[in-house]
Amino acid sequence: FKVCICSFLQGQVVGYLAKSLSLDSVGFGYLQTTFGVLQLVGGPIFGSLRVSCFLPLTYINTVLINMSSSVGSSQSASVFSIREILRLMKFPGVMEVFIVKVFAGLPIGLFLIMFSIISMDFFGLEAVESGYLMSYFGVLQMVVQGLVIGKLTNNCSERTLLRLSVFVFAGVGLGMALMRTVWHYCIIAVPLVFAFSMLGTITDSILTKAVPSSDTGTMLGICASVQPLTRTVGPTIGGVLYKQFGVSSFGYLQLVVNIGLFVYLLKNKIPLREVKSQ
């Protein structure tokens, strides 16, 4: 819990710290990319410390060993094995759905990574006001996850919900391209949270059903790696986009990418399993 709080504070405070140090959006992007790289390599570097890393690393090591033994080889089942990732991508529908998962929310992900800077420069918010806005975002996410996603998944097919989430993402992109005030963002946040939550839930469900039961853990690990990788490379890309083209560039990019993905999903009958592979 403390780690989550510190991570959230870091994401919100660093933007105001960067501004006080006279960093522009590109410099802020480099700074956030540095944080992302340190997060990726921090575990192995500081793994020798016994204070607070020993138990988590022991647990991770146990999980990786169990995952590797489930496919008969300690090397082949590692999430970090390129060969293993390519093997899983060959299952019917996996590559297509994974591409949708990565690219559908990427432009909005870049926007959210840069949000602490955007909230100051574009919306003119102070730190406290930005915190209120993020709290509103969190409440929306709880409501959507708790009251909306479950009902839709029980009544609609996964194929329909996948198309719906991409279509809503395209509409969010158009709204962001036309956004001018923080109140506009508060309205856009509703479909944004819905699309983010739905896309993550549906794609994870589809991908884990598409692979054998012994590969479920590895597939979930690959899915979970999308966000850390976005956090690592995203700030630099987002910083350049924001400095060169402004906030609307995130919206237009989101619109174009998701229209393309929506047309792709309509024209291609991606094979989706309704039950778990054995």
Protein backbone atom coordinates (compact mmCIF):
# COMPACT_ATOMS: atom_id res chain seq x y z
CA PHE A 1 0.00 0.00 0.00
CA LYS A 2 2.83 2.39 0.87
CA VAL A 3 4.55 1.59 -2.41
CA CYS A 4 1.34 2.43 -4.33
CA ILE A 5 1.02 5.76 -2.50
CA CYS A 6 4.66 6.66 -3.16
CA SER A 7 4.33 5.72 -6.84
CA PHE A 8 1.20 7.87 -7.19
CA LEU A 9 2.84 10.81 -5.43
CA GLN A 10 5.90 10.50 -7.64
CA GLY A 11 3.75 10.69 -10.76
CA GLN A 12 1.94 13.80 -9.53
CA VAL A 13 4.72 15.72 -7.79
CA VAL A 14 7.49 15.30 -10.34
CA GLY A 15 5.70 17.51 -12.86
CA TYR A 16 5.59 20.45 -10.44
CA LEU A 17 9.16 19.76 -9.38
CA ALA A 18 10.24 19.77 -13.04
CA LYS A 19 8.56 23.12 -13.59
CA SER A 20 10.27 24.61 -10.55
CA LEU A 21 13.56 23.45 -12.07
CA SER A 22 12.64 25.14 -15.39
CA LEU A 23 12.44 21.87 -17.34
CA ASP A 24 10.36 21.92 -20.51
CA SER A 25 8.06 19.08 -21.59
CA VAL A 26 10.87 17.24 -23.41
CA GLY A 27 13.12 17.45 -20.36
CA PHE A 28 10.25 16.18 -18.23
CA GLY A 29 9.85 13.27 -20.66
CA TYR A 30 13.51 12.36 -20.31
CA LEU A 31 13.17 12.53 -16.52
CA GLN A 32 10.13 10.23 -16.50
CA THR A 33 11.85 7.81 -18.88
CA THR A 34 14.77 7.68 -16.46
CA PHE A 35 12.35 6.80 -13.65
CA GLY A 36 10.85 4.06 -15.82
CA VAL A 37 14.23 2.54 -16.64
CA LEU A 38 15.23 2.62 -12.98
CA GLN A 39 12.00 0.86 -12.06
CA LEU A 40 12.72 -1.90 -14.57
CA VAL A 41 16.30 -2.48 -13.46
CA GLY A 42 15.91 -1.51 -9.82
CA GLY A 43 14.86 -4.95 -8.67
CA PRO A 44 17.98 -6.78 -9.87
CA ILE A 45 20.27 -3.96 -8.77
CA PHE A 46 18.94 -3.66 -5.23
CA GLY A 47 17.94 -7.30 -4.88
CA SER A 48 20.90 -7.93 -2.62
CA LEU A 49 19.35 -5.74 0.10
CA ARG A 50 17.69 -7.93 2.75
CA VAL A 51 15.74 -4.44 4.66
CA SER A 52 12.45 -4.79 2.28
CA CYS A 53 13.28 -6.61 -1.15
CA PHE A 54 14.05 -10.13 0.09
CA LEU A 55 10.50 -11.46 0.42
CA PRO A 56 9.13 -9.94 -2.81
CA LEU A 57 12.08 -11.22 -4.81
CA THR A 58 11.77 -14.65 -3.23
CA TYR A 59 8.10 -14.74 -4.17
CA ILE A 60 8.80 -13.63 -7.76
CA ASN A 61 11.54 -16.25 -8.06
CA THR A 62 9.14 -18.95 -6.84
CA VAL A 63 6.49 -17.88 -9.32
CA LEU A 64 8.94 -17.92 -12.22
CA ILE A 65 10.15 -21.39 -11.22
CA ASN A 66 6.59 -22.69 -11.05
CA MET A 67 5.79 -21.12 -14.40
CA SER A 68 8.84 -22.69 -16.01
CA SER A 69 8.15 -26.14 -14.59
CA SER A 70 4.60 -26.06 -15.96
CA VAL A 71 5.93 -26.27 -19.53
CA GLY A 72 8.78 -28.63 -18.72
CA SER A 73 11.67 -26.20 -19.03
CA SER A 74 12.95 -23.51 -16.70
CA GLN A 75 14.12 -21.44 -19.64
CA SER A 76 11.19 -21.63 -22.03
CA ALA A 77 8.48 -20.28 -19.69
CA SER A 78 10.17 -17.13 -18.59
CA VAL A 79 8.18 -13.99 -19.34
CA PHE A 80 11.43 -12.41 -20.46
CA SER A 81 12.12 -15.10 -23.11
CA ILE A 82 11.60 -13.75 -26.60
CA ARG A 83 11.20 -17.29 -27.88
CA GLU A 84 8.41 -17.94 -25.38
CA ILE A 85 6.62 -14.71 -26.30
CA LEU A 86 6.79 -15.57 -30.00
CA ARG A 87 5.49 -19.08 -29.28
CA LEU A 88 2.42 -17.70 -27.51
CA MET A 89 1.80 -15.17 -30.26
CA LYS A 90 1.35 -18.03 -32.73
CA PHE A 91 -1.87 -19.21 -31.08
CA PRO A 92 -5.00 -18.23 -33.07
CA GLY A 93 -6.08 -14.66 -32.36
CA VAL A 94 -3.35 -13.88 -29.83
CA MET A 95 -1.18 -11.65 -32.01
CA GLU A 96 -4.16 -9.67 -33.31
CA VAL A 97 -5.69 -9.05 -29.88
CA PHE A 98 -2.32 -8.20 -28.34
CA ILE A 99 -1.71 -5.58 -31.04
CA VAL A 100 -5.10 -4.03 -30.27
CA LYS A 101 -4.29 -4.08 -26.56
CA VAL A 102 -0.99 -2.28 -27.05
CA PHE A 103 -1.96 0.36 -29.60
CA ALA A 104 -5.58 1.21 -28.74
CA GLY A 105 -4.70 3.02 -25.54
CA LEU A 106 -1.15 4.08 -26.36
CA PRO A 107 -1.85 7.73 -27.35
CA ILE A 108 -4.04 8.26 -24.27
CA GLY A 109 -1.35 6.56 -22.21
CA LEU A 110 1.16 9.11 -23.49
CA PHE A 111 -1.26 11.90 -22.53
CA LEU A 112 -1.73 10.54 -19.00
CA ILE A 113 2.02 10.18 -18.52
CA MET A 114 2.40 13.85 -19.39
CA PHE A 115 -0.68 14.91 -17.46
CA SER A 116 1.13 16.58 -14.54
CA ILE A 117 2.78 18.96 -17.02
CA ILE A 118 -0.38 19.38 -19.11
CA SER A 119 -2.47 20.15 -16.02
CA MET A 120 -0.20 23.11 -15.27
CA ASP A 121 0.53 24.44 -18.75
CA PHE A 122 -2.75 23.72 -20.53
CA PHE A 123 -5.37 23.67 -17.77
CA GLY A 124 -3.59 26.08 -15.43
CA LEU A 125 -4.18 23.90 -12.35
CA GLU A 126 -2.30 24.09 -9.07
CA ALA A 127 -1.03 20.95 -7.35
CA VAL A 128 -4.08 20.65 -5.08
CA GLU A 129 -6.53 21.10 -7.96
CA SER A 130 -4.67 18.50 -10.00
CA GLY A 131 -4.97 16.13 -7.04
CA TYR A 132 -8.73 16.65 -6.92
CA LEU A 133 -8.94 15.87 -10.62
CA MET A 134 -7.01 12.63 -10.20
CA SER A 135 -9.27 11.68 -7.28
CA TYR A 136 -12.27 12.21 -9.56
CA PHE A 137 -10.57 9.98 -12.11
CA GLY A 138 -10.07 7.28 -9.45
CA VAL A 139 -13.70 7.40 -8.30
CA LEU A 140 -14.86 7.05 -11.90
CA GLN A 141 -12.66 4.00 -12.32
CA MET A 142 -14.10 2.33 -9.21
CA VAL A 143 -17.67 2.99 -10.34
CA VAL A 144 -17.07 1.76 -13.87
CA GLN A 145 -15.21 -1.36 -12.77
CA GLY A 146 -17.70 -2.20 -10.06
CA LEU A 147 -21.04 -1.37 -11.67
CA VAL A 148 -20.62 -1.35 -15.44
CA ILE A 149 -17.92 -3.74 -16.65
CA GLY A 150 -19.29 -6.80 -14.87
CA LYS A 151 -22.82 -6.37 -16.22
CA LEU A 152 -21.62 -5.87 -19.78
CA THR A 153 -19.32 -8.89 -19.72
CA ASN A 154 -22.23 -11.04 -18.55
CA ASN A 155 -24.58 -9.87 -21.30
CA CYS A 156 -22.37 -9.22 -24.35
CA SER A 157 -19.84 -11.26 -26.29
CA GLU A 158 -16.16 -10.51 -25.96
CA ARG A 159 -15.92 -9.69 -29.66
CA THR A 160 -18.64 -7.06 -29.31
CA LEU A 161 -17.08 -5.52 -26.21
CA LEU A 162 -13.64 -5.41 -27.83
CA ARG A 163 -15.05 -3.48 -30.79
CA LEU A 164 -17.04 -1.25 -28.45
CA SER A 165 -14.00 -0.30 -26.37
CA VAL A 166 -11.99 0.59 -29.51
CA PHE A 167 -14.90 2.61 -30.91
CA VAL A 168 -15.28 4.54 -27.63
CA PHE A 169 -11.53 5.15 -27.61
CA ALA A 170 -11.85 6.74 -31.07
CA GLY A 171 -14.59 9.04 -29.75
CA VAL A 172 -12.40 9.93 -26.78
CA GLY A 173 -9.66 10.90 -29.23
CA LEU A 174 -12.00 13.26 -31.06
CA GLY A 175 -13.09 14.80 -27.76
CA MET A 176 -9.50 15.33 -26.69
CA ALA A 177 -8.62 16.95 -30.00
CA LEU A 178 -11.40 19.50 -29.41
CA MET A 179 -10.82 19.86 -25.64
CA ARG A 180 -10.10 23.36 -24.36
CA THR A 181 -10.89 23.46 -20.62
CA VAL A 182 -10.61 21.22 -17.60
CA TRP A 183 -14.40 20.83 -17.60
CA HIS A 184 -14.19 19.33 -21.06
CA TYR A 185 -11.67 16.85 -19.70
CA CYS A 186 -13.98 15.95 -16.81
CA ILE A 187 -16.66 14.99 -19.35
CA ILE A 188 -14.22 13.11 -21.57
CA ALA A 189 -12.92 11.21 -18.54
CA VAL A 190 -16.16 9.18 -18.31
CA PRO A 191 -15.84 7.36 -21.68
CA LEU A 192 -12.07 7.36 -21.26
CA VAL A 193 -12.23 5.37 -18.02
CA PHE A 194 -14.85 3.07 -19.50
CA ALA A 195 -12.75 2.31 -22.59
CA PHE A 196 -9.56 1.80 -20.58
CA SER A 197 -11.22 -0.54 -18.10
CA MET A 198 -13.14 -2.48 -20.73
CA LEU A 199 -10.17 -2.89 -23.05
CA GLY A 200 -7.92 -4.16 -20.25
CA THR A 201 -10.50 -6.60 -18.90
CA ILE A 202 -11.59 -8.00 -22.27
CA THR A 203 -8.15 -8.36 -23.84
CA ASP A 204 -6.74 -10.09 -20.75
CA SER A 205 -9.71 -12.49 -20.78
CA ILE A 206 -9.38 -13.22 -24.50
CA LEU A 207 -5.63 -13.73 -24.37
CA THR A 208 -5.66 -16.07 -21.37
CA LYS A 209 -8.42 -18.17 -22.96
CA ALA A 210 -6.49 -18.40 -26.23
CA VAL A 211 -3.49 -20.18 -24.70
CA PRO A 212 -3.27 -23.52 -22.86
CA SER A 213 -3.85 -23.51 -19.11
CA SER A 214 -0.15 -24.13 -18.48
CA ASP A 215 0.68 -20.85 -20.24
CA THR A 216 -1.87 -18.66 -18.43
CA GLY A 217 0.66 -17.21 -15.99
CA THR A 218 3.11 -16.37 -18.75
CA MET A 219 0.37 -14.72 -20.82
CA LEU A 220 -0.73 -12.62 -17.87
CA GLY A 221 2.88 -11.60 -17.32
CA ILE A 222 3.19 -10.48 -20.93
CA CYS A 223 -0.05 -8.50 -20.63
CA ALA A 224 1.18 -6.86 -17.42
CA SER A 225 4.43 -5.81 -19.13
CA VAL A 226 2.61 -3.44 -21.49
CA GLN A 227 2.15 -0.68 -18.90
CA PRO A 228 5.76 -0.65 -17.56
CA LEU A 229 7.13 -0.55 -21.09
CA THR A 230 4.79 2.32 -21.97
CA ARG A 231 5.92 4.14 -18.85
CA THR A 232 9.55 3.67 -19.89
CA VAL A 233 9.41 4.88 -23.51
CA GLY A 234 6.23 6.94 -23.32
CA PRO A 235 7.45 10.09 -21.55
CA THR A 236 10.07 10.88 -24.16
CA ILE A 237 7.58 10.39 -27.03
CA GLY A 238 4.87 12.28 -25.15
CA GLY A 239 7.18 15.15 -24.36
CA VAL A 240 8.11 15.63 -28.00
CA LEU A 241 4.46 15.41 -29.12
CA TYR A 242 3.33 17.95 -26.55
CA LYS A 243 6.12 20.43 -27.27
CA GLN A 244 5.87 20.23 -31.05
CA PHE A 245 2.12 19.80 -31.65
CA GLY A 246 0.28 20.54 -28.39
CA VAL A 247 -2.40 18.68 -26.44
CA SER A 248 -4.64 18.15 -29.47
CA SER A 249 -1.98 15.91 -31.05
CA PHE A 250 -2.72 13.20 -28.47
CA GLY A 251 -6.40 13.33 -29.41
CA TYR A 252 -5.88 13.21 -33.16
CA LEU A 253 -3.40 10.35 -32.79
CA GLN A 254 -5.86 8.49 -30.59
CA LEU A 255 -8.64 9.04 -33.13
CA VAL A 256 -6.64 7.88 -36.16
CA VAL A 257 -5.16 4.81 -34.43
CA ASN A 258 -8.48 3.58 -33.08
CA ILE A 259 -10.42 4.18 -36.29
CA GLY A 260 -7.83 2.03 -38.02
CA LEU A 261 -8.12 -0.66 -35.33
CA PHE A 262 -11.92 -0.56 -35.44
CA VAL A 263 -11.98 -1.07 -39.21
CA TYR A 264 -9.47 -3.89 -38.78
CA LEU A 265 -11.68 -5.60 -36.18
CA LEU A 266 -14.73 -5.29 -38.41
CA LYS A 267 -13.06 -6.70 -41.52
CA ASN A 268 -11.07 -9.47 -39.85
CA LYS A 269 -12.82 -12.30 -38.01
CA ILE A 270 -10.31 -12.81 -35.25
CA PRO A 271 -10.78 -16.32 -33.82
CA LEU A 272 -11.84 -15.90 -30.19
CA ARG A 273 -12.33 -18.77 -27.78
CA GLU A 274 -15.35 -18.72 -25.50
CA VAL A 275 -13.82 -21.35 -23.25
CA LYS A 276 -10.33 -21.98 -21.95
CA SER A 277 -7.84 -23.90 -24.07
CA GLN A 278 -6.53 -27.09 -22.54
